[in-house]
Amino acid sequence: MKKIMPFDAADYLDNDEVIAEYLNAALEDKNPDVFLAAISDVAKARGLSRLAKDSGLGRESLYKALSPGAKPRYDTVIKLLRALGVDLRTSPTNAGS
């Protein structure tokens, strides 16, 4: 009998381009929890200890901010993104046409 291992996105987030595309795809979902889960996956791939240090957040605060159902403050999300080496950008949608 074959054993199926659980999928872990963090195993595939091994370069900046892949990480940026992954986060962009998560931003397309209307559910904000999807984006926070993606940040959590990237944090796991990069190392939570390193992210805590680079973002200036304590490990406990980092775990709390990235836990399912969390509602982190905007400034916390921005600190995390900057520590991960990515920027949050906007672009016009077709909704206004």
N, C-alpha and C. Protein backbone atom coordinates (compact mmCIF):
# COMPACT_ATOMS: atom_id res chain seq x y z
N MET A 1 0.84 -1.17 0.00
CA MET A 1 0.00 0.00 0.00
C MET A 1 0.89 1.25 0.00
N LYS A 2 0.58 2.17 -0.88
CA LYS A 2 1.36 3.41 -0.96
C LYS A 2 0.93 4.39 0.12
N LYS A 3 1.92 5.03 0.69
CA LYS A 3 1.64 6.05 1.69
C LYS A 3 1.71 7.41 1.01
N ILE A 4 0.68 8.20 1.18
CA ILE A 4 0.64 9.53 0.58
C ILE A 4 1.04 10.56 1.63
N MET A 5 2.03 11.34 1.29
CA MET A 5 2.52 12.37 2.20
C MET A 5 1.68 13.63 2.02
N PRO A 6 1.41 14.35 3.10
CA PRO A 6 0.65 15.60 2.97
C PRO A 6 1.43 16.64 2.17
N PHE A 7 0.71 17.41 1.40
CA PHE A 7 1.32 18.47 0.60
C PHE A 7 1.70 19.63 1.51
N ASP A 8 2.89 20.16 1.33
CA ASP A 8 3.35 21.33 2.07
C ASP A 8 3.95 22.31 1.07
N ALA A 9 3.24 23.42 0.83
CA ALA A 9 3.69 24.41 -0.15
C ALA A 9 5.09 24.92 0.17
N ALA A 10 5.43 24.99 1.45
CA ALA A 10 6.74 25.51 1.85
C ALA A 10 7.89 24.73 1.22
N ASP A 11 7.65 23.47 0.89
CA ASP A 11 8.69 22.65 0.27
C ASP A 11 9.06 23.13 -1.13
N TYR A 12 8.19 23.92 -1.75
CA TYR A 12 8.40 24.36 -3.14
C TYR A 12 8.71 25.85 -3.26
N LEU A 13 8.71 26.56 -2.15
CA LEU A 13 8.96 28.00 -2.17
C LEU A 13 10.45 28.25 -1.97
N ASP A 14 11.20 28.00 -3.03
CA ASP A 14 12.65 27.99 -2.90
C ASP A 14 13.38 29.13 -3.60
N ASN A 15 12.62 30.07 -4.20
CA ASN A 15 13.29 31.25 -4.77
C ASN A 15 12.33 32.43 -4.78
N ASP A 16 12.89 33.62 -4.94
CA ASP A 16 12.10 34.85 -4.81
C ASP A 16 10.99 34.96 -5.84
N GLU A 17 11.22 34.51 -7.06
CA GLU A 17 10.18 34.59 -8.10
C GLU A 17 9.01 33.68 -7.77
N VAL A 18 9.28 32.48 -7.34
CA VAL A 18 8.22 31.54 -6.98
C VAL A 18 7.43 32.09 -5.79
N ILE A 19 8.13 32.64 -4.82
CA ILE A 19 7.48 33.20 -3.64
C ILE A 19 6.57 34.36 -4.04
N ALA A 20 7.06 35.26 -4.87
CA ALA A 20 6.26 36.41 -5.30
C ALA A 20 5.01 35.95 -6.06
N GLU A 21 5.15 34.98 -6.94
CA GLU A 21 3.99 34.47 -7.69
C GLU A 21 2.99 33.79 -6.76
N TYR A 22 3.49 33.06 -5.80
CA TYR A 22 2.63 32.37 -4.83
C TYR A 22 1.82 33.38 -4.03
N LEU A 23 2.48 34.43 -3.55
CA LEU A 23 1.78 35.46 -2.78
C LEU A 23 0.79 36.22 -3.65
N ASN A 24 1.16 36.52 -4.89
CA ASN A 24 0.24 37.20 -5.81
C ASN A 24 -1.00 36.36 -6.06
N ALA A 25 -0.82 35.08 -6.25
CA ALA A 25 -1.97 34.19 -6.47
C ALA A 25 -2.87 34.19 -5.24
N ALA A 26 -2.28 34.18 -4.06
CA ALA A 26 -3.07 34.20 -2.82
C ALA A 26 -3.84 35.50 -2.67
N LEU A 27 -3.25 36.61 -3.12
CA LEU A 27 -3.93 37.90 -3.05
C LEU A 27 -5.17 37.95 -3.94
N GLU A 28 -5.22 37.14 -4.96
CA GLU A 28 -6.38 37.12 -5.86
C GLU A 28 -7.62 36.53 -5.20
N ASP A 29 -7.43 35.76 -4.14
CA ASP A 29 -8.57 35.17 -3.44
C ASP A 29 -9.23 36.23 -2.56
N LYS A 30 -10.54 36.25 -2.54
CA LYS A 30 -11.27 37.24 -1.75
C LYS A 30 -11.19 36.97 -0.25
N ASN A 31 -10.81 35.78 0.13
CA ASN A 31 -10.69 35.41 1.54
C ASN A 31 -9.31 35.83 2.05
N PRO A 32 -9.24 36.80 2.97
CA PRO A 32 -7.93 37.26 3.47
C PRO A 32 -7.13 36.18 4.18
N ASP A 33 -7.81 35.15 4.69
CA ASP A 33 -7.10 34.06 5.35
C ASP A 33 -6.19 33.31 4.39
N VAL A 34 -6.54 33.31 3.10
CA VAL A 34 -5.71 32.63 2.10
C VAL A 34 -4.36 33.33 1.98
N PHE A 35 -4.37 34.66 1.97
CA PHE A 35 -3.12 35.42 1.89
C PHE A 35 -2.28 35.22 3.14
N LEU A 36 -2.91 35.24 4.30
CA LEU A 36 -2.16 35.02 5.54
C LEU A 36 -1.58 33.61 5.60
N ALA A 37 -2.32 32.64 5.10
CA ALA A 37 -1.79 31.27 5.04
C ALA A 37 -0.60 31.20 4.10
N ALA A 38 -0.66 31.95 3.00
CA ALA A 38 0.47 31.97 2.05
C ALA A 38 1.69 32.61 2.70
N ILE A 39 1.49 33.70 3.42
CA ILE A 39 2.61 34.33 4.15
C ILE A 39 3.20 33.32 5.13
N SER A 40 2.34 32.58 5.80
CA SER A 40 2.80 31.57 6.75
C SER A 40 3.63 30.49 6.06
N ASP A 41 3.18 30.05 4.87
CA ASP A 41 3.94 29.06 4.11
C ASP A 41 5.32 29.59 3.74
N VAL A 42 5.38 30.85 3.30
CA VAL A 42 6.65 31.46 2.93
C VAL A 42 7.54 31.60 4.16
N ALA A 43 6.94 32.00 5.28
CA ALA A 43 7.70 32.14 6.52
C ALA A 43 8.31 30.80 6.93
N LYS A 44 7.54 29.74 6.78
CA LYS A 44 8.04 28.39 7.10
C LYS A 44 9.19 28.02 6.17
N ALA A 45 9.04 28.36 4.89
CA ALA A 45 10.09 28.03 3.92
C ALA A 45 11.37 28.79 4.21
N ARG A 46 11.25 30.03 4.64
CA ARG A 46 12.43 30.87 4.91
C ARG A 46 12.99 30.64 6.30
N GLY A 47 12.17 30.16 7.21
CA GLY A 47 12.60 29.95 8.60
C GLY A 47 11.94 30.97 9.51
N LEU A 48 11.13 30.48 10.44
CA LEU A 48 10.38 31.37 11.33
C LEU A 48 11.30 32.17 12.24
N SER A 49 12.37 31.58 12.70
CA SER A 49 13.30 32.31 13.57
C SER A 49 13.92 33.48 12.83
N ARG A 50 14.33 33.22 11.60
CA ARG A 50 14.93 34.28 10.79
C ARG A 50 13.92 35.39 10.51
N LEU A 51 12.68 35.00 10.19
CA LEU A 51 11.65 36.00 9.91
C LEU A 51 11.34 36.83 11.15
N ALA A 52 11.28 36.21 12.29
CA ALA A 52 11.03 36.95 13.53
C ALA A 52 12.13 38.00 13.73
N LYS A 53 13.37 37.59 13.54
CA LYS A 53 14.49 38.52 13.70
C LYS A 53 14.44 39.63 12.67
N ASP A 54 14.25 39.27 11.39
CA ASP A 54 14.27 40.25 10.31
C ASP A 54 13.10 41.23 10.37
N SER A 55 11.97 40.79 10.92
CA SER A 55 10.79 41.65 10.99
C SER A 55 10.74 42.47 12.27
N GLY A 56 11.55 42.09 13.25
CA GLY A 56 11.53 42.79 14.52
C GLY A 56 10.38 42.34 15.42
N LEU A 57 9.73 41.26 15.04
CA LEU A 57 8.64 40.72 15.85
C LEU A 57 9.17 39.57 16.70
N GLY A 58 8.62 39.43 17.88
CA GLY A 58 8.96 38.29 18.70
C GLY A 58 8.37 37.03 18.10
N ARG A 59 8.97 35.90 18.38
CA ARG A 59 8.47 34.63 17.83
C ARG A 59 7.02 34.39 18.20
N GLU A 60 6.67 34.69 19.44
CA GLU A 60 5.29 34.48 19.89
C GLU A 60 4.33 35.36 19.10
N SER A 61 4.71 36.62 18.88
CA SER A 61 3.87 37.53 18.09
C SER A 61 3.75 37.05 16.65
N LEU A 62 4.84 36.53 16.12
CA LEU A 62 4.83 36.02 14.76
C LEU A 62 3.88 34.82 14.63
N TYR A 63 3.99 33.88 15.55
CA TYR A 63 3.10 32.72 15.51
C TYR A 63 1.64 33.15 15.65
N LYS A 64 1.38 34.10 16.53
CA LYS A 64 0.01 34.59 16.73
C LYS A 64 -0.51 35.26 15.47
N ALA A 65 0.31 36.09 14.83
CA ALA A 65 -0.10 36.82 13.62
C ALA A 65 -0.39 35.88 12.46
N LEU A 66 0.30 34.75 12.40
CA LEU A 66 0.17 33.82 11.29
C LEU A 66 -0.74 32.62 11.59
N SER A 67 -1.33 32.60 12.76
CA SER A 67 -2.20 31.47 13.10
C SER A 67 -3.52 31.58 12.34
N PRO A 68 -4.14 30.44 12.02
CA PRO A 68 -5.41 30.47 11.29
C PRO A 68 -6.46 31.31 12.02
N GLY A 69 -7.13 32.15 11.26
CA GLY A 69 -8.17 33.02 11.83
C GLY A 69 -7.65 34.29 12.46
N ALA A 70 -6.33 34.49 12.44
CA ALA A 70 -5.75 35.70 13.03
C ALA A 70 -6.16 36.92 12.20
N LYS A 71 -6.19 38.03 12.84
CA LYS A 71 -6.48 39.31 12.18
C LYS A 71 -5.33 40.28 12.49
N PRO A 72 -4.15 40.03 11.88
CA PRO A 72 -2.99 40.88 12.19
C PRO A 72 -3.21 42.30 11.70
N ARG A 73 -2.56 43.22 12.36
CA ARG A 73 -2.62 44.63 11.98
C ARG A 73 -1.89 44.81 10.65
N TYR A 74 -2.28 45.86 9.95
CA TYR A 74 -1.67 46.19 8.67
C TYR A 74 -0.16 46.34 8.81
N ASP A 75 0.29 47.06 9.83
CA ASP A 75 1.73 47.28 9.98
C ASP A 75 2.48 45.97 10.24
N THR A 76 1.84 45.02 10.88
CA THR A 76 2.47 43.71 11.10
C THR A 76 2.65 42.99 9.76
N VAL A 77 1.61 43.02 8.93
CA VAL A 77 1.69 42.36 7.62
C VAL A 77 2.79 43.01 6.78
N ILE A 78 2.87 44.32 6.79
CA ILE A 78 3.89 45.02 6.02
C ILE A 78 5.29 44.66 6.53
N LYS A 79 5.48 44.60 7.84
CA LYS A 79 6.77 44.20 8.41
C LYS A 79 7.16 42.80 7.93
N LEU A 80 6.19 41.90 7.93
CA LEU A 80 6.46 40.53 7.50
C LEU A 80 6.84 40.49 6.02
N LEU A 81 6.08 41.20 5.19
CA LEU A 81 6.38 41.20 3.76
C LEU A 81 7.76 41.78 3.48
N ARG A 82 8.09 42.87 4.14
CA ARG A 82 9.42 43.48 3.94
C ARG A 82 10.52 42.54 4.40
N ALA A 83 10.30 41.86 5.53
CA ALA A 83 11.30 40.92 6.03
C ALA A 83 11.46 39.73 5.08
N LEU A 84 10.38 39.40 4.35
CA LEU A 84 10.45 38.32 3.37
C LEU A 84 11.03 38.79 2.05
N GLY A 85 11.24 40.09 1.92
CA GLY A 85 11.85 40.63 0.70
C GLY A 85 10.88 40.84 -0.45
N VAL A 86 9.59 41.04 -0.12
CA VAL A 86 8.60 41.29 -1.15
C VAL A 86 7.85 42.59 -0.84
N ASP A 87 7.30 43.19 -1.90
CA ASP A 87 6.49 44.40 -1.78
C ASP A 87 5.06 44.09 -2.14
N LEU A 88 4.15 44.83 -1.55
CA LEU A 88 2.74 44.73 -1.90
C LEU A 88 2.44 45.86 -2.86
N ARG A 89 1.90 45.54 -4.04
CA ARG A 89 1.61 46.53 -5.08
C ARG A 89 0.16 46.44 -5.47
N THR A 90 -0.34 47.49 -6.08
CA THR A 90 -1.70 47.49 -6.59
C THR A 90 -1.68 47.76 -8.09
N SER A 91 -2.75 47.37 -8.75
CA SER A 91 -2.93 47.67 -10.16
C SER A 91 -4.42 47.82 -10.42
N PRO A 92 -4.79 48.57 -11.44
CA PRO A 92 -6.22 48.75 -11.71
C PRO A 92 -6.86 47.44 -12.15
N THR A 93 -8.12 47.30 -11.81
CA THR A 93 -8.88 46.12 -12.24
C THR A 93 -9.78 46.52 -13.39
N ASN A 94 -10.38 45.56 -14.00
CA ASN A 94 -11.32 45.83 -15.09
C ASN A 94 -12.68 46.21 -14.56
N ALA A 95 -12.87 46.24 -13.24
CA ALA A 95 -14.18 46.53 -12.67
C ALA A 95 -14.66 47.94 -13.02
N GLY A 96 -13.73 48.86 -13.23
CA GLY A 96 -14.10 50.24 -13.52
C GLY A 96 -14.45 50.47 -14.98
N SER A 97 -14.29 49.47 -15.85
CA SER A 97 -14.55 49.69 -17.28
C SER A 97 -16.00 49.47 -17.62
